[in-house]
Amino acid sequence: MLDTLDNRMVETRKLLLIDYKTIENRRDLIESHLRLIDMYVRDTMTPEFGMQLGKYEGVLKIYKNFLKNYSECLEETEELTEQAEDLRKAVESKEISKDSFKVYYAKETDDQIENMTRVRNLIKPVHSVEPDYQRISRMVNEYLTSLAAKDEDLARILKSLSDTTSK
């Protein structure tokens, strides 16, 4: 039974193996792209491009939610891992009765399942928007680059943006 608790925590930690800094950089890039679109696009854009920008804003929302909640999920996972280890030590040293163990085990199981569900609900959308992020960010960058050919300020900003995101 204790191995089940441990295995669940290992699985949850694996889910959390996502590069926070990469998502943070992507959020910053999307925000920069959208700000530049607002500042420099003076012509009417096609409905298709507008629809893609709407999807891009949706990706941004998912990334912001991830960044807002990731640390809390990680901390909760670490706390639950520690609690499972403490329960194992108490059982191995016979400090806990069978009845108490059942109560603690049930509580730990419920907490772990709730945490794992929360982690999955946080991580799954990040993975699901990956193709949209790749496609739309490339499209928006190409669009802004074409505008930058006629605008030195925009060209300078894009160069600076490119330098920051490549680090």
Protein backbone atom coordinates (compact mmCIF):
# COMPACT_ATOMS: atom_id res chain seq x y z
CA MET A 1 0.00 0.00 0.00
CA LEU A 2 2.84 2.37 0.82
CA ASP A 3 4.46 1.60 -2.51
CA THR A 4 1.25 2.74 -4.21
CA LEU A 5 1.58 6.12 -2.47
CA ASP A 6 5.23 6.37 -3.50
CA ASN A 7 4.50 5.40 -7.10
CA ARG A 8 1.73 7.97 -7.39
CA MET A 9 4.11 10.67 -6.19
CA VAL A 10 6.79 9.59 -8.66
CA GLU A 11 4.23 9.80 -11.46
CA THR A 12 3.09 13.25 -10.31
CA ARG A 13 6.68 14.52 -10.16
CA LYS A 14 7.24 13.22 -13.70
CA LEU A 15 4.25 15.24 -14.87
CA LEU A 16 5.81 18.34 -13.33
CA LEU A 17 9.04 17.89 -15.31
CA ILE A 18 8.24 20.77 -17.60
CA ASP A 19 10.63 23.64 -18.14
CA TYR A 20 9.12 26.60 -16.29
CA LYS A 21 11.60 29.02 -17.86
CA THR A 22 10.64 27.94 -21.39
CA ILE A 23 6.97 28.59 -20.70
CA GLU A 24 7.87 31.92 -19.10
CA ASN A 25 9.85 32.90 -22.22
CA ARG A 26 6.97 31.86 -24.45
CA ARG A 27 4.54 33.95 -22.43
CA ASP A 28 6.86 36.94 -22.78
CA LEU A 29 7.20 36.39 -26.54
CA ILE A 30 3.45 36.14 -27.08
CA GLU A 31 2.86 39.28 -25.01
CA SER A 32 5.54 41.11 -27.03
CA HIS A 33 4.11 39.92 -30.33
CA LEU A 34 0.59 41.00 -29.40
CA ARG A 35 1.83 44.37 -28.17
CA LEU A 36 3.74 44.91 -31.43
CA ILE A 37 0.68 43.94 -33.47
CA ASP A 38 -1.31 46.56 -31.55
CA MET A 39 1.38 49.18 -32.03
CA TYR A 40 2.43 48.62 -35.64
CA VAL A 41 -0.41 47.04 -37.58
CA ARG A 42 -2.28 49.87 -39.22
CA ASP A 43 -3.88 47.98 -42.08
CA THR A 44 -6.87 45.70 -41.86
CA MET A 45 -5.78 42.15 -41.28
CA THR A 46 -7.36 39.12 -42.86
CA PRO A 47 -10.03 37.27 -40.89
CA GLU A 48 -7.76 34.22 -40.87
CA PHE A 49 -4.91 36.17 -39.31
CA GLY A 50 -7.29 37.69 -36.76
CA MET A 51 -8.56 34.22 -35.88
CA GLN A 52 -4.98 33.01 -35.38
CA LEU A 53 -4.30 35.96 -33.09
CA GLY A 54 -7.34 34.90 -31.05
CA LYS A 55 -5.87 31.41 -30.72
CA TYR A 56 -2.53 32.97 -29.79
CA GLU A 57 -4.26 34.84 -26.96
CA GLY A 58 -5.75 31.51 -25.86
CA VAL A 59 -2.27 29.98 -25.75
CA LEU A 60 -1.12 32.97 -23.70
CA LYS A 61 -3.95 32.38 -21.23
CA ILE A 62 -2.94 28.73 -20.79
CA TYR A 63 0.71 29.69 -20.25
CA LYS A 64 -0.23 32.36 -17.70
CA ASN A 65 -2.38 29.85 -15.80
CA PHE A 66 0.50 27.37 -15.80
CA LEU A 67 2.97 29.96 -14.51
CA LYS A 68 0.55 31.12 -11.83
CA ASN A 69 -0.18 27.63 -10.45
CA TYR A 70 2.97 25.59 -11.14
CA SER A 71 4.86 26.49 -7.95
CA GLU A 72 1.88 25.69 -5.77
CA CYS A 73 1.43 22.30 -7.44
CA LEU A 74 5.13 21.56 -7.07
CA GLU A 75 5.10 22.51 -3.37
CA GLU A 76 2.00 20.42 -2.73
CA THR A 77 3.64 17.45 -4.45
CA GLU A 78 6.75 17.81 -2.31
CA GLU A 79 4.67 18.06 0.88
CA LEU A 80 2.66 14.97 -0.04
CA THR A 81 5.86 13.08 -0.84
CA GLU A 82 7.23 13.99 2.58
CA GLN A 83 4.00 12.94 4.29
CA ALA A 84 4.10 9.57 2.51
CA GLU A 85 7.71 9.10 3.64
CA ASP A 86 6.74 9.98 7.23
CA LEU A 87 3.89 7.47 7.10
CA ARG A 88 6.26 4.79 5.84
CA LYS A 89 8.73 5.53 8.67
CA ALA A 90 5.93 5.39 11.25
CA VAL A 91 4.79 2.01 9.93
CA GLU A 92 8.31 0.57 9.75
CA SER A 93 9.09 1.70 13.31
CA LYS A 94 5.67 0.43 14.47
CA GLU A 95 4.76 3.87 15.88
CA ILE A 96 1.28 3.69 14.38
CA SER A 97 -1.60 1.30 14.92
CA LYS A 98 -3.31 -0.56 12.11
CA ASP A 99 -6.49 1.52 12.53
CA SER A 100 -4.57 4.80 12.52
CA PHE A 101 -2.66 3.65 9.47
CA LYS A 102 -5.89 3.03 7.58
CA VAL A 103 -7.12 6.54 8.39
CA TYR A 104 -3.82 8.19 7.40
CA TYR A 105 -3.51 6.04 4.29
CA ALA A 106 -7.01 6.96 3.12
CA LYS A 107 -6.31 10.66 3.71
CA GLU A 108 -2.96 10.50 1.91
CA THR A 109 -4.52 8.63 -1.01
CA ASP A 110 -7.30 11.19 -1.38
CA ASP A 111 -4.85 14.10 -1.16
CA GLN A 112 -2.51 12.53 -3.71
CA ILE A 113 -5.28 11.78 -6.17
CA GLU A 114 -6.61 15.32 -5.84
CA ASN A 115 -3.12 16.74 -6.36
CA MET A 116 -2.41 14.49 -9.34
CA THR A 117 -5.68 15.55 -10.95
CA ARG A 118 -4.80 19.20 -10.41
CA VAL A 119 -1.32 18.69 -11.88
CA ARG A 120 -2.72 16.87 -14.91
CA ASN A 121 -5.26 19.66 -15.46
CA LEU A 122 -2.42 22.19 -15.31
CA ILE A 123 0.03 20.35 -17.58
CA LYS A 124 -2.28 18.84 -20.21
CA PRO A 125 -3.34 22.17 -21.77
CA VAL A 126 0.31 23.28 -22.01
CA HIS A 127 1.14 20.19 -24.06
CA SER A 128 -2.01 20.47 -26.15
CA VAL A 129 -1.26 24.04 -27.33
CA GLU A 130 2.31 23.26 -28.37
CA PRO A 131 1.47 22.88 -32.09
CA ASP A 132 -0.58 26.11 -32.05
CA TYR A 133 2.22 27.99 -30.29
CA GLN A 134 4.83 26.78 -32.79
CA ARG A 135 2.73 27.58 -35.83
CA ILE A 136 1.24 30.90 -34.72
CA SER A 137 4.40 32.36 -33.21
CA ARG A 138 6.25 31.64 -36.45
CA MET A 139 3.40 33.18 -38.49
CA VAL A 140 3.21 36.31 -36.31
CA ASN A 141 6.99 36.72 -36.37
CA GLU A 142 7.02 36.46 -40.18
CA TYR A 143 4.21 39.02 -40.41
CA LEU A 144 6.00 41.44 -38.09
CA THR A 145 9.27 40.88 -39.94
CA SER A 146 7.59 41.84 -43.21
CA LEU A 147 6.32 45.04 -41.56
CA ALA A 148 9.78 45.69 -40.11
CA ALA A 149 11.22 45.90 -43.63
CA LYS A 150 9.45 49.27 -43.87
CA ASP A 151 9.86 50.41 -40.25
CA GLU A 152 13.28 50.79 -38.60
CA ASP A 153 11.87 51.04 -35.08
CA LEU A 154 9.97 47.80 -35.46
CA ALA A 155 13.05 46.14 -37.01
CA ARG A 156 15.14 47.22 -34.01
CA ILE A 157 12.50 45.94 -31.55
CA LEU A 158 12.24 42.59 -33.35
CA LYS A 159 16.03 42.22 -33.34
CA SER A 160 16.08 42.95 -29.61
CA LEU A 161 13.21 40.52 -29.05
CA SER A 162 14.99 37.86 -31.07
CA ASP A 163 18.18 38.36 -29.05
CA THR A 164 16.34 37.99 -25.74
CA THR A 165 14.31 34.93 -26.69
CA SER A 166 17.31 33.06 -28.10
CA LYS A 167 19.09 33.17 -24.71
